[in-house]
């Protein structure tokens, strides 16, 4: 009954720094955009919306584009 859990001595005592909240959210959104670029259902939906609505804003993806996401800053996000 002497089973003890011992922690390695190399565990950091100071928590590692967390990324900026806006960078974390940006990375999550970017991950979703990349996943949708590869998903067959999302590809079909994007092409059909583009064919139906052409240049209307409805033809654009709801989650945005990689280019527009990279251009957003912390000030842009806090203003929204």
C-alpha atoms as a PDB file:
ATOM      1  CA  UNK A   1       0.000   0.000   0.000  1.00  0.00           C
ATOM      2  CA  UNK A   2       2.930   2.313  -0.448  1.00  0.00           C
ATOM      3  CA  UNK A   3       2.039   3.270  -3.997  1.00  0.00           C
ATOM      4  CA  UNK A   4       2.805   6.934  -4.289  1.00  0.00           C
ATOM      5  CA  UNK A   5       2.716   9.169  -7.276  1.00  0.00           C
ATOM      6  CA  UNK A   6       5.934  11.090  -7.518  1.00  0.00           C
ATOM      7  CA  UNK A   7       6.241  14.137  -9.665  1.00  0.00           C
ATOM      8  CA  UNK A   8       9.385  14.621 -11.686  1.00  0.00           C
ATOM      9  CA  UNK A   9      11.696  17.302 -10.387  1.00  0.00           C
ATOM     10  CA  UNK A  10      11.741  18.941 -13.795  1.00  0.00           C
ATOM     11  CA  UNK A  11       8.184  20.252 -13.634  1.00  0.00           C
ATOM     12  CA  UNK A  12       8.177  23.994 -14.135  1.00  0.00           C
ATOM     13  CA  UNK A  13       7.170  25.985 -11.118  1.00  0.00           C
ATOM     14  CA  UNK A  14       6.179  28.983 -13.191  1.00  0.00           C
ATOM     15  CA  UNK A  15       3.246  28.644 -15.586  1.00  0.00           C
ATOM     16  CA  UNK A  16       4.126  29.022 -19.222  1.00  0.00           C
ATOM     17  CA  UNK A  17       2.997  32.239 -20.866  1.00  0.00           C
ATOM     18  CA  UNK A  18      -0.343  32.023 -22.603  1.00  0.00           C
ATOM     19  CA  UNK A  19      -0.801  33.486 -26.075  1.00  0.00           C
ATOM     20  CA  UNK A  20      -2.617  36.766 -26.481  1.00  0.00           C
ATOM     21  CA  UNK A  21      -6.397  36.040 -26.443  1.00  0.00           C
ATOM     22  CA  UNK A  22      -6.857  37.635 -29.846  1.00  0.00           C
ATOM     23  CA  UNK A  23      -4.088  35.466 -31.320  1.00  0.00           C
ATOM     24  CA  UNK A  24      -5.646  32.342 -29.809  1.00  0.00           C
ATOM     25  CA  UNK A  25      -9.069  33.148 -31.247  1.00  0.00           C
ATOM     26  CA  UNK A  26      -7.520  34.082 -34.588  1.00  0.00           C
ATOM     27  CA  UNK A  27      -5.739  30.705 -34.680  1.00  0.00           C
ATOM     28  CA  UNK A  28      -9.008  28.881 -33.927  1.00  0.00           C
ATOM     29  CA  UNK A  29     -10.847  30.712 -36.699  1.00  0.00           C
ATOM     30  CA  UNK A  30      -7.986  30.105 -39.126  1.00  0.00           C
ATOM     31  CA  UNK A  31      -8.051  26.404 -38.291  1.00  0.00           C
ATOM     32  CA  UNK A  32     -11.773  26.312 -39.129  1.00  0.00           C
ATOM     33  CA  UNK A  33     -11.241  28.162 -42.407  1.00  0.00           C
ATOM     34  CA  UNK A  34      -8.502  25.727 -43.446  1.00  0.00           C
ATOM     35  CA  UNK A  35     -10.686  22.748 -42.510  1.00  0.00           C
ATOM     36  CA  UNK A  36     -13.558  24.159 -44.595  1.00  0.00           C
ATOM     37  CA  UNK A  37     -11.259  24.600 -47.585  1.00  0.00           C
ATOM     38  CA  UNK A  38     -10.728  20.829 -47.597  1.00  0.00           C
ATOM     39  CA  UNK A  39     -14.194  19.566 -46.621  1.00  0.00           C
ATOM     40  CA  UNK A  40     -16.189  18.336 -49.649  1.00  0.00           C
ATOM     41  CA  UNK A  41     -19.507  19.618 -48.278  1.00  0.00           C
ATOM     42  CA  UNK A  42     -18.074  23.089 -47.641  1.00  0.00           C
ATOM     43  CA  UNK A  43     -16.471  23.171 -51.092  1.00  0.00           C
ATOM     44  CA  UNK A  44     -19.784  22.263 -52.749  1.00  0.00           C
ATOM     45  CA  UNK A  45     -21.677  24.852 -50.713  1.00  0.00           C
ATOM     46  CA  UNK A  46     -19.131  27.559 -51.513  1.00  0.00           C
ATOM     47  CA  UNK A  47     -19.291  26.808 -55.253  1.00  0.00           C
ATOM     48  CA  UNK A  48     -23.092  26.704 -55.322  1.00  0.00           C
ATOM     49  CA  UNK A  49     -23.395  29.992 -53.421  1.00  0.00           C
ATOM     50  CA  UNK A  50     -20.898  31.582 -55.787  1.00  0.00           C
ATOM     51  CA  UNK A  51     -22.882  30.305 -58.798  1.00  0.00           C
ATOM     52  CA  UNK A  52     -26.210  31.534 -57.415  1.00  0.00           C
ATOM     53  CA  UNK A  53     -25.243  34.889 -55.905  1.00  0.00           C
ATOM     54  CA  UNK A  54     -22.139  35.744 -57.987  1.00  0.00           C
ATOM     55  CA  UNK A  55     -20.824  39.071 -56.605  1.00  0.00           C
ATOM     56  CA  UNK A  56     -23.424  39.523 -53.855  1.00  0.00           C
ATOM     57  CA  UNK A  57     -22.102  39.264 -50.261  1.00  0.00           C
ATOM     58  CA  UNK A  58     -24.138  36.041 -49.837  1.00  0.00           C
ATOM     59  CA  UNK A  59     -21.641  34.366 -52.177  1.00  0.00           C
ATOM     60  CA  UNK A  60     -18.838  34.791 -49.630  1.00  0.00           C
ATOM     61  CA  UNK A  61     -18.104  32.322 -46.819  1.00  0.00           C
ATOM     62  CA  UNK A  62     -19.596  33.160 -43.414  1.00  0.00           C
ATOM     63  CA  UNK A  63     -16.360  32.577 -41.554  1.00  0.00           C
ATOM     64  CA  UNK A  64     -14.321  34.939 -43.726  1.00  0.00           C
ATOM     65  CA  UNK A  65     -11.087  34.437 -45.608  1.00  0.00           C
ATOM     66  CA  UNK A  66      -7.514  33.848 -44.487  1.00  0.00           C
ATOM     67  CA  UNK A  67      -6.433  37.169 -45.962  1.00  0.00           C
ATOM     68  CA  UNK A  68      -9.037  39.233 -44.106  1.00  0.00           C
ATOM     69  CA  UNK A  69      -8.377  37.379 -40.865  1.00  0.00           C
ATOM     70  CA  UNK A  70      -4.654  38.134 -41.044  1.00  0.00           C
ATOM     71  CA  UNK A  71      -5.395  41.821 -41.645  1.00  0.00           C
ATOM     72  CA  UNK A  72      -7.478  42.193 -38.448  1.00  0.00           C
ATOM     73  CA  UNK A  73      -5.785  43.671 -35.405  1.00  0.00           C
ATOM     74  CA  UNK A  74      -6.651  43.672 -31.700  1.00  0.00           C
ATOM     75  CA  UNK A  75      -8.239  47.121 -32.121  1.00  0.00           C
ATOM     76  CA  UNK A  76     -10.462  45.861 -34.938  1.00  0.00           C
ATOM     77  CA  UNK A  77     -11.624  42.941 -32.818  1.00  0.00           C
ATOM     78  CA  UNK A  78     -12.349  45.035 -29.726  1.00  0.00           C
ATOM     79  CA  UNK A  79     -14.296  47.575 -31.796  1.00  0.00           C
ATOM     80  CA  UNK A  80     -16.670  44.879 -33.072  1.00  0.00           C
END
